[in-house]
Structures are given as C-alpha cells and as structure tokens.
C-alpha cells in the first residue's frame, strides 16, 4: 500500500476518532465504509472479537488491510469461477450454463438451480452477472 493510501486511511480514522488516538468498535464499520470497504457483519464480528476496544490506528490498519486482502482474494476466486461457468463468455450466467456446471455435482434439481439464480440475480433479469455472482459467492463463504 502506498504512503498516500496509508495517509488516506489515517485521515478517515482520525475523522472518526475526534482527536483521540483510538476509536470504539462500533465506529469501525463506518470507517471501513468511508474507505470503500463494505464488510458484512459475518466478516467483521470475528475480527472485532480479538481487537482491543477502543482500537488504535496501527491495529486498525493491520486488521482492515488483512480483511481487504481476503476480500480481494475472494473476489478474484469468484471471478475465476464465474468465467468457468459462463461458457459463452458473454458476462452472464444463465440457468442452462449453471445446470451444465452443477450437473457434474449430481443431486441438484432444476428447481434448486433456479433458486440459486434467484438469489444471485440482483437486478431480477433471470440471469446472473458478475456482481450478483460475487455477492452470492461472498455471502456463502
């Protein structure tokens, strides 16, 4: 991470710290969102369990940097899997493509596949784009 990025994180942290060298746990999700990270409660809660309360900038920085790295790795993994399923490489996963991919797993009905599509179909188009797939992928892992 560049020194400019660290400075941006420090500025956001300081804004919520109100002159204090540390901030309370309940402010951490808001600070993360201000930096562009929208971690779910399922992701944040385990981290908050080992962070001191209140938390100083160095500890905050190390924890959020690790979470950001994990999030990036999950997004990359989701993109690779999406590209494997998207046979025609049009940027959309259809029910037949998902059936073809999941067919090798056995025991998954067309109805179950349709339900998977409905969960990941965030814009209700009947198909799954990369953003919806990532959402489903991140929520399930």
C-alpha atoms as a PDB file:
ATOM      1  CA  UNK A   1       0.000   0.000   0.000  1.00  0.00           C
ATOM      2  CA  UNK A   2       1.363   3.386  -0.962  1.00  0.00           C
ATOM      3  CA  UNK A   3       2.081   6.123   1.566  1.00  0.00           C
ATOM      4  CA  UNK A   4      -0.772   8.151   0.031  1.00  0.00           C
ATOM      5  CA  UNK A   5      -3.213   5.307   0.705  1.00  0.00           C
ATOM      6  CA  UNK A   6      -1.992   4.926   4.283  1.00  0.00           C
ATOM      7  CA  UNK A   7      -2.417   8.686   4.735  1.00  0.00           C
ATOM      8  CA  UNK A   8      -5.988   8.425   3.389  1.00  0.00           C
ATOM      9  CA  UNK A   9      -6.761   5.633   5.872  1.00  0.00           C
ATOM     10  CA  UNK A  10      -5.234   7.664   8.712  1.00  0.00           C
ATOM     11  CA  UNK A  11      -7.292  10.697   7.719  1.00  0.00           C
ATOM     12  CA  UNK A  12     -10.513   8.661   7.754  1.00  0.00           C
ATOM     13  CA  UNK A  13      -9.577   7.101  11.098  1.00  0.00           C
ATOM     14  CA  UNK A  14      -8.781  10.493  12.625  1.00  0.00           C
ATOM     15  CA  UNK A  15     -12.056  11.940  11.375  1.00  0.00           C
ATOM     16  CA  UNK A  16     -13.989   9.355  13.396  1.00  0.00           C
ATOM     17  CA  UNK A  17     -11.600   9.469  16.359  1.00  0.00           C
ATOM     18  CA  UNK A  18     -12.434  13.122  17.093  1.00  0.00           C
ATOM     19  CA  UNK A  19      -8.932  13.948  18.343  1.00  0.00           C
ATOM     20  CA  UNK A  20      -8.485  10.714  20.257  1.00  0.00           C
ATOM     21  CA  UNK A  21      -5.703   8.239  19.383  1.00  0.00           C
ATOM     22  CA  UNK A  22      -8.276   5.438  19.184  1.00  0.00           C
ATOM     23  CA  UNK A  23     -11.865   4.704  18.199  1.00  0.00           C
ATOM     24  CA  UNK A  24     -14.575   2.464  19.602  1.00  0.00           C
ATOM     25  CA  UNK A  25     -15.539  -0.798  17.910  1.00  0.00           C
ATOM     26  CA  UNK A  26     -18.970   0.435  16.906  1.00  0.00           C
ATOM     27  CA  UNK A  27     -17.356   3.065  14.645  1.00  0.00           C
ATOM     28  CA  UNK A  28     -15.187   0.589  12.728  1.00  0.00           C
ATOM     29  CA  UNK A  29     -17.808  -0.473  10.142  1.00  0.00           C
ATOM     30  CA  UNK A  30     -18.454   3.197   9.329  1.00  0.00           C
ATOM     31  CA  UNK A  31     -14.739   3.936   8.945  1.00  0.00           C
ATOM     32  CA  UNK A  32     -14.368   0.889   6.690  1.00  0.00           C
ATOM     33  CA  UNK A  33     -17.294   2.017   4.526  1.00  0.00           C
ATOM     34  CA  UNK A  34     -15.782   5.504   4.238  1.00  0.00           C
ATOM     35  CA  UNK A  35     -12.695   3.805   2.785  1.00  0.00           C
ATOM     36  CA  UNK A  36     -14.770   1.829   0.282  1.00  0.00           C
ATOM     37  CA  UNK A  37     -14.956  -1.476   2.178  1.00  0.00           C
ATOM     38  CA  UNK A  38     -18.413  -2.752   2.981  1.00  0.00           C
ATOM     39  CA  UNK A  39     -17.600  -5.810   5.074  1.00  0.00           C
ATOM     40  CA  UNK A  40     -20.550  -7.866   6.269  1.00  0.00           C
ATOM     41  CA  UNK A  41     -21.161  -8.394   9.973  1.00  0.00           C
ATOM     42  CA  UNK A  42     -20.168 -12.036   9.480  1.00  0.00           C
ATOM     43  CA  UNK A  43     -16.734 -10.860   8.332  1.00  0.00           C
ATOM     44  CA  UNK A  44     -16.293  -8.084  10.895  1.00  0.00           C
ATOM     45  CA  UNK A  45     -17.502  -9.813  14.059  1.00  0.00           C
ATOM     46  CA  UNK A  46     -14.640 -12.336  14.334  1.00  0.00           C
ATOM     47  CA  UNK A  47     -12.118  -9.513  13.884  1.00  0.00           C
ATOM     48  CA  UNK A  48     -13.828  -7.315  16.452  1.00  0.00           C
ATOM     49  CA  UNK A  49     -13.671 -10.182  18.934  1.00  0.00           C
ATOM     50  CA  UNK A  50      -9.865 -10.006  19.096  1.00  0.00           C
ATOM     51  CA  UNK A  51      -9.346  -6.278  18.579  1.00  0.00           C
ATOM     52  CA  UNK A  52      -8.974  -4.154  21.694  1.00  0.00           C
ATOM     53  CA  UNK A  53     -11.795  -1.697  22.347  1.00  0.00           C
ATOM     54  CA  UNK A  54     -11.037   1.089  21.665  1.00  0.00           C
ATOM     55  CA  UNK A  55      -8.600   0.366  18.827  1.00  0.00           C
ATOM     56  CA  UNK A  56      -5.624   2.490  17.779  1.00  0.00           C
ATOM     57  CA  UNK A  57      -4.759   3.297  14.167  1.00  0.00           C
ATOM     58  CA  UNK A  58      -1.899   0.791  13.761  1.00  0.00           C
ATOM     59  CA  UNK A  59      -4.059  -2.103  14.960  1.00  0.00           C
ATOM     60  CA  UNK A  60      -6.991  -0.897  12.855  1.00  0.00           C
ATOM     61  CA  UNK A  61      -4.763  -0.594   9.799  1.00  0.00           C
ATOM     62  CA  UNK A  62      -3.352  -4.121  10.134  1.00  0.00           C
ATOM     63  CA  UNK A  63      -6.800  -5.654  10.685  1.00  0.00           C
ATOM     64  CA  UNK A  64      -8.546  -3.850   7.817  1.00  0.00           C
ATOM     65  CA  UNK A  65      -5.623  -4.429   5.469  1.00  0.00           C
ATOM     66  CA  UNK A  66      -5.910  -8.169   6.166  1.00  0.00           C
ATOM     67  CA  UNK A  67      -9.696  -8.097   5.630  1.00  0.00           C
ATOM     68  CA  UNK A  68      -9.256  -6.143   2.387  1.00  0.00           C
ATOM     69  CA  UNK A  69      -6.720  -8.690   1.165  1.00  0.00           C
ATOM     70  CA  UNK A  70      -9.094 -11.546   1.986  1.00  0.00           C
ATOM     71  CA  UNK A  71     -11.947  -9.742   0.225  1.00  0.00           C
ATOM     72  CA  UNK A  72      -9.804  -9.203  -2.882  1.00  0.00           C
ATOM     73  CA  UNK A  73      -8.811 -12.880  -2.910  1.00  0.00           C
ATOM     74  CA  UNK A  74     -12.481 -13.931  -2.638  1.00  0.00           C
ATOM     75  CA  UNK A  75     -13.445 -11.573  -5.458  1.00  0.00           C
ATOM     76  CA  UNK A  76     -10.691 -12.964  -7.669  1.00  0.00           C
ATOM     77  CA  UNK A  77     -11.770 -16.514  -6.860  1.00  0.00           C
ATOM     78  CA  UNK A  78     -15.398 -15.647  -7.640  1.00  0.00           C
ATOM     79  CA  UNK A  79     -14.390 -14.082 -10.965  1.00  0.00           C
ATOM     80  CA  UNK A  80     -12.421 -17.184 -11.981  1.00  0.00           C
ATOM     81  CA  UNK A  81     -15.334 -19.466 -11.087  1.00  0.00           C
ATOM     82  CA  UNK A  82     -17.781 -17.164 -12.901  1.00  0.00           C
ATOM     83  CA  UNK A  83     -15.663 -17.367 -16.051  1.00  0.00           C
ATOM     84  CA  UNK A  84     -15.648 -21.182 -15.852  1.00  0.00           C
ATOM     85  CA  UNK A  85     -19.447 -21.292 -15.613  1.00  0.00           C
ATOM     86  CA  UNK A  86     -20.040 -18.591 -18.267  1.00  0.00           C
ATOM     87  CA  UNK A  87     -19.373 -20.924 -21.191  1.00  0.00           C
ATOM     88  CA  UNK A  88     -20.139 -18.409 -23.950  1.00  0.00           C
ATOM     89  CA  UNK A  89     -18.166 -15.672 -22.132  1.00  0.00           C
ATOM     90  CA  UNK A  90     -20.920 -13.071 -22.537  1.00  0.00           C
ATOM     91  CA  UNK A  91     -20.651 -11.868 -18.932  1.00  0.00           C
ATOM     92  CA  UNK A  92     -23.932 -13.511 -17.908  1.00  0.00           C
ATOM     93  CA  UNK A  93     -24.628 -16.891 -16.333  1.00  0.00           C
ATOM     94  CA  UNK A  94     -27.873 -18.455 -17.493  1.00  0.00           C
ATOM     95  CA  UNK A  95     -29.802 -21.328 -15.934  1.00  0.00           C
ATOM     96  CA  UNK A  96     -28.587 -23.763 -18.649  1.00  0.00           C
ATOM     97  CA  UNK A  97     -24.941 -22.754 -18.053  1.00  0.00           C
ATOM     98  CA  UNK A  98     -25.369 -23.245 -14.331  1.00  0.00           C
ATOM     99  CA  UNK A  99     -27.090 -26.587 -14.932  1.00  0.00           C
ATOM    100  CA  UNK A 100     -24.196 -27.707 -17.124  1.00  0.00           C
ATOM    101  CA  UNK A 101     -21.671 -26.690 -14.483  1.00  0.00           C
ATOM    102  CA  UNK A 102     -23.540 -28.083 -11.479  1.00  0.00           C
ATOM    103  CA  UNK A 103     -24.666 -31.205 -13.316  1.00  0.00           C
ATOM    104  CA  UNK A 104     -21.337 -32.800 -12.552  1.00  0.00           C
ATOM    105  CA  UNK A 105     -22.041 -32.440  -8.839  1.00  0.00           C
ATOM    106  CA  UNK A 106     -25.175 -34.588  -9.078  1.00  0.00           C
ATOM    107  CA  UNK A 107     -28.283 -34.421  -6.975  1.00  0.00           C
ATOM    108  CA  UNK A 108     -29.120 -30.791  -7.811  1.00  0.00           C
ATOM    109  CA  UNK A 109     -32.549 -30.271  -9.314  1.00  0.00           C
ATOM    110  CA  UNK A 110     -33.532 -27.661 -11.879  1.00  0.00           C
ATOM    111  CA  UNK A 111     -35.658 -26.014  -9.156  1.00  0.00           C
ATOM    112  CA  UNK A 112     -32.622 -25.726  -6.850  1.00  0.00           C
ATOM    113  CA  UNK A 113     -30.602 -24.217  -9.691  1.00  0.00           C
ATOM    114  CA  UNK A 114     -33.400 -21.729 -10.363  1.00  0.00           C
ATOM    115  CA  UNK A 115     -33.346 -20.782  -6.662  1.00  0.00           C
ATOM    116  CA  UNK A 116     -29.582 -20.185  -6.858  1.00  0.00           C
ATOM    117  CA  UNK A 117     -30.125 -17.892  -9.834  1.00  0.00           C
ATOM    118  CA  UNK A 118     -32.874 -16.008  -7.982  1.00  0.00           C
ATOM    119  CA  UNK A 119     -30.539 -15.328  -5.047  1.00  0.00           C
ATOM    120  CA  UNK A 120     -27.724 -14.077  -7.268  1.00  0.00           C
ATOM    121  CA  UNK A 121     -29.957 -12.230  -9.747  1.00  0.00           C
ATOM    122  CA  UNK A 122     -29.755  -8.854  -8.011  1.00  0.00           C
ATOM    123  CA  UNK A 123     -31.371  -6.936 -10.890  1.00  0.00           C
ATOM    124  CA  UNK A 124     -34.131  -9.546 -11.475  1.00  0.00           C
ATOM    125  CA  UNK A 125     -33.266 -10.215 -15.115  1.00  0.00           C
ATOM    126  CA  UNK A 126     -33.417 -14.009 -14.872  1.00  0.00           C
ATOM    127  CA  UNK A 127     -29.649 -14.169 -15.343  1.00  0.00           C
ATOM    128  CA  UNK A 128     -26.627 -13.696 -13.136  1.00  0.00           C
ATOM    129  CA  UNK A 129     -23.950 -11.099 -13.830  1.00  0.00           C
ATOM    130  CA  UNK A 130     -20.540 -10.966 -12.166  1.00  0.00           C
ATOM    131  CA  UNK A 131     -21.656  -8.527  -9.455  1.00  0.00           C
ATOM    132  CA  UNK A 132     -24.550 -10.769  -8.428  1.00  0.00           C
ATOM    133  CA  UNK A 133     -22.368 -13.848  -8.547  1.00  0.00           C
ATOM    134  CA  UNK A 134     -19.760 -12.187  -6.342  1.00  0.00           C
ATOM    135  CA  UNK A 135     -22.476 -11.183  -3.904  1.00  0.00           C
ATOM    136  CA  UNK A 136     -23.770 -14.757  -3.691  1.00  0.00           C
ATOM    137  CA  UNK A 137     -20.229 -16.142  -3.516  1.00  0.00           C
ATOM    138  CA  UNK A 138     -19.141 -13.782  -0.730  1.00  0.00           C
ATOM    139  CA  UNK A 139     -22.308 -14.280   1.299  1.00  0.00           C
ATOM    140  CA  UNK A 140     -21.972 -18.066   1.161  1.00  0.00           C
ATOM    141  CA  UNK A 141     -18.316 -18.223   2.167  1.00  0.00           C
END
